Protein backbone atom coordinates (compact mmCIF):
# COMPACT_ATOMS: atom_id res chain seq x y z
CA MET A 1 106.64 92.83 111.96
CA GLY A 2 103.17 91.88 110.78
CA PRO A 3 100.56 94.25 109.96
CA CYS A 4 98.67 95.97 112.75
CA PRO A 5 95.63 98.16 112.93
CA GLY A 6 96.25 101.49 112.04
CA LYS A 7 94.38 104.57 114.04
CA VAL A 8 92.89 106.08 110.81
CA ILE A 9 90.95 103.23 108.78
CA THR A 10 88.32 103.10 106.40
CA GLY A 11 86.50 100.48 105.05
CA ALA A 12 85.72 96.97 105.97
CA VAL A 13 86.08 93.01 105.03
CA PRO A 14 83.83 92.88 101.93
CA SER A 15 80.70 90.70 102.04
CA GLU A 16 80.37 88.07 99.69
CA LYS A 17 78.25 90.20 97.25
CA GLU A 18 81.04 92.93 96.98
CA LEU A 19 83.61 90.13 95.67
CA VAL A 20 84.23 90.60 91.75
CA VAL A 21 84.07 87.60 89.80
CA VAL A 22 87.26 85.42 89.55
CA ILE A 23 88.48 84.52 86.13
CA SER A 24 90.89 82.29 84.60
CA LEU A 25 92.07 81.58 80.60
CA ARG A 26 91.84 78.44 78.86
CA PRO A 27 93.33 78.51 75.29
CA LEU A 28 90.69 78.71 72.74
CA ASP A 29 90.03 75.20 70.84
CA ASP A 30 87.08 74.13 68.54
CA GLU A 31 84.89 73.59 71.19
CA GLY A 32 86.08 77.37 73.05
CA LEU A 33 85.47 79.03 69.48
CA GLU A 34 82.13 77.90 69.39
CA ARG A 35 81.30 79.19 72.90
CA LEU A 36 82.64 82.19 72.01
CA LEU A 37 80.78 82.98 69.23
CA ALA A 38 77.22 82.26 71.29
CA VAL A 39 78.41 84.71 73.48
CA ALA A 40 79.47 87.52 70.70
CA VAL A 41 76.07 86.78 69.23
CA ALA A 42 74.31 86.82 72.18
CA ASP A 43 75.69 89.17 74.55
CA ALA A 44 78.46 91.16 73.22
CA ASP A 45 78.98 94.64 71.39
CA PRO A 46 79.33 93.88 67.78
CA GLU A 47 82.32 96.39 67.46
CA ASP A 48 84.20 95.10 70.57
CA VAL A 49 84.30 91.66 69.02
CA MET A 50 86.15 92.07 65.61
CA PRO A 51 86.69 91.51 62.75
CA PRO A 52 85.79 95.18 61.63
CA GLY A 53 82.52 95.59 60.55
CA TRP A 54 81.33 92.36 62.15
CA THR A 55 77.70 91.23 62.58
CA PRO A 56 76.17 88.49 64.43
CA ASP A 57 74.60 86.67 61.18
CA ARG A 58 78.25 86.92 59.98
CA THR A 59 79.20 83.31 61.96
CA GLU A 60 81.08 81.84 59.37
CA GLU A 61 83.44 84.99 59.11
CA PHE A 62 84.08 85.38 62.72
CA ARG A 63 85.03 81.59 62.93
CA GLU A 64 87.40 82.19 60.11
CA PHE A 65 88.88 85.42 61.71
CA TYR A 66 89.41 83.84 65.11
CA ARG A 67 90.82 80.40 63.63
CA GLY A 68 93.62 82.73 62.29
CA PHE A 69 95.28 83.67 65.62
CA ARG A 70 93.61 81.10 67.52
CA ARG A 71 97.24 79.70 68.82
CA HIS A 72 97.22 83.58 70.30
CA ALA A 73 93.73 83.71 72.32
CA TYR A 74 92.49 82.80 75.26
CA GLU A 75 88.80 81.85 76.45
CA ILE A 76 88.00 84.12 79.71
CA VAL A 77 86.16 82.05 81.69
CA GLU A 78 84.40 81.87 85.17
CA ARG A 79 83.93 78.50 86.31
CA ASP A 80 82.58 76.93 83.09
CA ARG A 81 81.11 80.43 81.60
CA THR A 82 82.54 82.27 78.82
CA LEU A 83 83.00 85.85 79.38
CA GLY A 84 84.73 87.00 76.42
CA MET A 85 88.12 86.70 74.48
CA ILE A 86 91.90 87.78 75.27
CA ARG A 87 94.82 87.18 73.13
CA LEU A 88 98.42 87.30 73.58
CA THR A 89 101.09 87.56 70.42
CA ASP A 90 104.67 85.99 70.40
CA THR A 91 105.49 89.90 70.07
CA GLY A 92 103.38 90.96 73.31
CA GLN A 93 100.48 92.53 71.68
CA THR A 94 96.97 91.73 73.40
CA GLY A 95 93.29 92.69 72.96
CA LEU A 96 90.19 91.58 74.39
CA TRP A 97 86.57 91.97 74.71
CA VAL A 98 84.21 91.19 76.94
CA ALA A 99 80.28 90.28 77.51
CA ARG A 100 77.92 92.79 78.12
CA SER A 101 76.75 91.01 81.54
CA ALA A 102 80.34 90.51 83.03
CA ARG A 103 81.31 94.21 82.84
CA GLY A 104 81.92 96.36 85.78
CA ALA A 105 83.23 93.18 87.98
CA GLY A 106 86.95 93.21 87.39
CA VAL A 107 86.89 90.80 84.23
CA GLY A 108 88.92 93.00 81.90
CA VAL A 109 91.58 93.88 84.11
CA GLN A 110 92.12 90.29 85.71
CA ALA A 111 92.53 88.80 82.05
CA VAL A 112 95.00 91.18 81.31
CA ARG A 113 97.22 90.55 84.43
CA ARG A 114 97.09 86.52 83.69
CA VAL A 115 98.27 87.91 80.27
CA VAL A 116 101.15 89.32 82.21
CA ASP A 117 101.57 85.63 83.74
CA GLN A 118 101.30 84.08 80.35
CA ALA A 119 103.98 86.41 79.03
CA TRP A 120 106.42 85.82 81.70
CA ALA A 121 106.00 81.68 80.73
CA ARG A 122 106.86 82.45 77.32
CA SER A 123 109.75 84.87 77.96
CA ILE A 124 107.96 88.10 76.64
CA ARG A 125 109.29 91.11 78.63
CA THR A 126 106.77 93.72 77.49
CA ILE A 127 103.08 93.63 76.33
CA THR A 128 101.68 96.21 74.20
CA ALA A 129 97.72 97.36 73.62
CA GLU A 130 96.69 99.61 70.85
CA THR A 131 93.41 101.80 71.17
CA THR A 132 92.22 105.12 70.95
CA THR A 133 91.30 108.21 73.09
CA GLY A 134 87.35 107.25 72.92
CA ASN A 135 87.85 104.04 74.08
CA THR A 136 87.34 105.02 77.63
CA ALA A 137 86.39 101.55 78.82
CA ALA A 138 89.56 100.09 77.37
CA LEU A 139 91.79 102.76 78.79
CA LYS A 140 90.81 102.38 82.50
CA VAL A 141 91.02 98.85 82.19
CA LEU A 142 94.91 99.19 81.09
CA LYS A 143 95.32 101.78 83.72
CA ARG A 144 94.16 99.85 86.52
CA ALA A 145 96.03 96.60 85.14
CA GLY A 146 99.51 98.79 85.50
CA ALA A 147 99.73 100.28 82.06
CA THR A 148 101.76 103.32 81.30
CA VAL A 149 99.66 104.87 78.26
CA GLU A 150 100.98 107.24 75.50
CA VAL A 151 98.77 109.28 73.35
CA ASP A 152 99.50 110.68 70.08
CA GLY A 153 96.30 112.52 68.61
CA ASP A 154 93.51 110.03 69.11
CA ALA A 155 96.02 107.27 69.16
CA VAL A 156 96.70 105.39 71.97
CA ARG A 157 99.67 102.88 72.64
CA ALA A 158 99.96 101.17 76.30
CA ARG A 159 102.99 99.07 77.78
CA ILE A 160 102.90 96.56 80.63
CA ALA A 161 106.58 95.69 81.65
CA VAL A 162 106.38 91.94 82.69
CA PRO A 163 108.39 91.33 85.96
CA VAL A 164 111.03 89.52 85.98
CA GLU A 165 113.08 87.74 88.66
CA PRO A 166 116.71 88.08 88.95
CA ALA A 167 118.87 86.15 86.74
CA THR A 168 119.06 82.41 87.38
CA ASP A 169 123.05 81.97 86.96
CA ILE A 170 123.75 84.93 89.79
CA ALA A 171 126.01 83.17 92.40
CA ASP A 172 127.29 86.29 94.00
CA PRO A 173 125.20 86.68 97.27
CA THR A 174 125.44 90.75 97.72
CA ARG A 175 123.90 90.74 93.90
CA LEU A 176 121.48 88.11 94.73
CA VAL A 177 119.83 89.73 97.92
CA LEU A 178 120.38 93.44 96.73
CA GLU A 179 118.53 92.47 93.61
CA TYR A 180 115.57 90.15 95.18
CA LEU A 181 115.00 92.98 97.27
CA ASP A 182 114.97 95.67 94.24
CA PHE A 183 112.47 93.12 92.60
CA TYR A 184 110.41 93.12 95.91
CA ARG A 185 110.45 96.55 96.03
CA ASP A 186 108.75 96.88 92.54
CA THR A 187 106.41 94.25 93.16
CA LEU A 188 105.18 96.47 96.14
CA LEU A 189 104.32 99.38 93.60
CA ARG A 190 103.03 97.14 91.06
CA LYS A 191 100.86 95.47 93.19
CA LEU A 192 99.02 98.87 94.04
CA ALA A 193 99.25 100.11 90.39
CA GLY A 194 95.41 100.91 89.13
CA LEU A 195 93.87 101.16 92.69
CA SER A 196 92.16 104.31 93.24
CA ASP A 197 92.81 106.30 96.59
CA GLU A 198 89.73 105.28 98.23
CA GLU A 199 90.71 101.31 97.50
CA LEU A 200 94.18 102.13 98.67
CA ARG A 201 93.07 103.91 101.92
CA THR A 202 90.46 100.76 102.68
CA SER A 203 91.26 97.86 104.75
CA ARG A 204 89.72 94.32 103.50
CA VAL A 205 91.33 92.38 106.73
CA PRO A 206 89.91 92.38 110.44
CA SER A 207 93.22 93.74 111.74
CA GLY A 208 92.57 96.99 109.92
CA TRP A 209 95.71 97.64 107.88
CA SER A 210 95.26 99.46 103.96
CA PRO A 211 97.85 99.00 100.87
CA LEU A 212 98.68 102.72 101.80
CA THR A 213 99.39 101.43 105.41
CA LEU A 214 101.68 99.08 104.22
CA VAL A 215 103.53 100.94 101.96
CA LYS A 216 104.10 103.56 104.74
CA HIS A 217 105.27 100.50 107.17
CA LEU A 218 107.76 99.11 104.64
CA ALA A 219 109.04 103.17 104.19
CA HIS A 220 110.07 102.70 107.97
CA VAL A 221 111.31 99.25 107.70
CA GLU A 222 114.16 100.58 104.99
CA LEU A 223 114.84 103.79 107.43
CA ARG A 224 114.64 101.82 110.75
CA TRP A 225 117.05 98.94 109.64
CA MET A 226 119.41 100.66 106.89
CA ARG A 227 119.36 104.07 108.35
CA TRP A 228 118.90 104.05 112.41
CA TYR A 229 120.37 100.64 113.06
CA PHE A 230 122.68 99.99 110.68
CA ARG A 231 124.42 103.24 109.65
CA GLY A 232 123.53 104.87 113.22
CA GLU A 233 122.06 108.02 111.83
CA ASP A 234 120.10 110.12 114.04
CA VAL A 235 116.76 109.61 112.99
CA GLU A 236 114.42 111.48 115.48
CA HIS A 237 111.41 109.20 115.00
CA PRO A 238 112.29 105.77 113.51
CA ARG A 239 109.29 104.32 114.27
CA GLY A 240 107.06 107.13 113.19
CA ASN A 241 104.98 110.18 114.81
CA PRO A 242 105.47 109.30 118.49
CA ALA A 243 101.91 111.30 119.13
CA VAL A 244 99.76 108.81 117.09
CA ASP A 245 99.51 105.29 117.86
CA ASP A 246 100.84 102.34 115.49
CA ALA A 247 102.00 105.60 113.23
CA GLU A 248 103.80 103.70 110.72
CA TRP A 249 100.63 101.49 110.06
CA THR A 250 98.24 104.75 110.04
CA VAL A 251 97.42 107.15 107.33
CA GLU A 252 97.78 110.59 109.62
CA ASP A 253 96.25 114.00 108.66
CA GLY A 254 98.38 115.53 105.83
CA ASP A 255 99.16 111.89 104.72
CA THR A 256 98.48 111.33 100.86
CA THR A 257 99.20 108.61 98.63
CA GLU A 258 101.86 110.71 96.90
CA SER A 259 103.83 111.99 100.03
CA ILE A 260 103.74 107.92 101.41
CA ARG A 261 104.85 106.92 98.20
CA ASP A 262 107.62 109.29 97.70
CA PHE A 263 108.77 108.65 101.64
CA TYR A 264 108.93 105.28 100.55
CA LEU A 265 110.96 106.07 97.53
CA ALA A 266 113.40 107.86 99.49
CA GLN A 267 113.84 105.71 101.73
CA CYS A 268 114.61 102.75 99.56
CA ALA A 269 117.13 104.99 97.53
CA ARG A 270 118.76 105.85 100.87
CA SER A 271 119.22 102.12 101.73
CA ARG A 272 120.61 101.32 98.25
CA GLU A 273 123.43 104.20 98.89
CA ILE A 274 124.09 102.49 102.34
CA THR A 275 124.46 99.06 100.87
CA ALA A 276 126.78 100.02 97.77
CA ALA A 277 129.15 101.66 100.29
CA ALA A 278 129.25 98.72 103.00
CA GLY A 279 129.97 94.88 103.14
CA LEU A 280 127.86 92.25 104.07
CA SER A 281 130.22 91.29 107.17
CA ASP A 282 130.11 94.78 108.23
CA ARG A 283 128.21 95.38 111.53
CA ALA A 284 125.10 97.67 112.53
CA ALA A 285 126.12 100.93 114.39
CA ARG A 286 123.53 101.04 116.63
CA TRP A 287 121.79 97.74 118.40
CA THR A 288 119.36 97.96 120.93
CA TRP A 289 118.06 93.95 121.57
CA ASP A 290 119.38 92.75 124.61
CA GLY A 291 120.68 89.12 124.40
CA ALA A 292 121.21 89.16 120.67
CA PRO A 293 124.38 89.75 118.81
CA THR A 294 124.95 92.97 116.76
CA PRO A 295 123.52 92.17 112.88
CA THR A 296 125.68 91.92 110.18
CA LEU A 297 124.34 93.55 107.22
CA ALA A 298 124.20 90.38 105.52
CA TRP A 299 121.64 89.53 108.44
CA ILE A 300 119.83 92.73 107.77
CA LEU A 301 119.12 92.44 104.40
CA PHE A 302 117.93 89.02 104.57
CA HIS A 303 115.60 90.26 107.48
CA MET A 304 114.10 92.91 105.10
CA LEU A 305 114.24 90.59 102.39
CA GLN A 306 111.59 87.76 104.27
CA GLU A 307 109.81 91.12 105.66
CA TYR A 308 108.74 92.24 102.00
CA ALA A 309 108.11 88.22 100.93
CA ARG A 310 105.56 88.17 103.97
CA HIS A 311 104.26 91.66 103.10
CA VAL A 312 103.83 91.29 99.44
CA GLY A 313 102.23 87.94 99.78
CA GLN A 314 99.63 89.59 102.12
CA LEU A 315 99.09 92.41 99.70
CA ASP A 316 98.20 89.70 96.88
CA VAL A 317 95.25 88.48 98.90
CA VAL A 318 94.21 92.00 99.60
CA ARG A 319 94.26 93.19 96.12
CA GLU A 320 92.43 89.90 94.92
CA LEU A 321 89.50 90.83 97.42
CA THR A 322 89.53 94.34 95.91
CA ASP A 323 89.16 93.57 92.40
CA GLY A 324 90.27 89.93 91.68
CA VAL A 325 93.60 90.92 90.13
CA THR A 326 96.35 88.34 90.70
CA GLY A 327 99.55 87.19 89.59
CA ALA A 328 103.19 88.70 89.85
């Protein structure tokens, strides 16, 4: 089932002026180092740029410092415009700075998410960043990029788990489909990490669905296919509140971000319990589609997998329209 307009929706498709700057990362070379220096001198706060205590008149010191970790560094660019720098070491440490003129356009969050993609390609499984409680801008970027934060006095250590698909040597079909379902369940929630409550409730597409209503819909997908159809449980409203049009696609009065997320997680947990006690050849206990054979658990699981793949792909686009964040 594809996205349907919900009854309670806020926001609209963004105009061109509302779209955030879309960036890419470019490995730092000698020419890039000079571009970065020019931005640091003309359009950056010296305390952000590093090395500690650096000032714009100390250009050779800047070059020497950045040459020291150039193989770990990337220019943050918009087309051919350099906006700052981000690094990723072999141990997963990251840090960045952004030009003053590029702040407030989602550049930092996008850069961190693109570094996550680089980490996956380099077999790095966790990205870490260190900052202080006083660096509110850095904390905001890290949290919007999905980081978990640990505070120890004034010191802050942030961690971002790099998403990994199931192992490539899995041959057992049951394990493979179940692990891919969990991968997509995690991806769905990761795509929402860092969005404000307003952004979660705002539609970016003409059909009117929002990220939060997509989570509610997928919770009902889990409930309907695993509990109602396959297990045959006595679920009173498998498609949500019958008094509300398109209820599973609607943020109703009383719904909160936390309540919808908790409902979703509860349905996923129940789905895992049901599949753990069944075999792929087992058939649904209830079926209402005239003319179609009663489905096996294998068919239901693959049907749910394609549903997740489709909707998470749609959420990819919506997240990019919201703040420019792309990637896994």
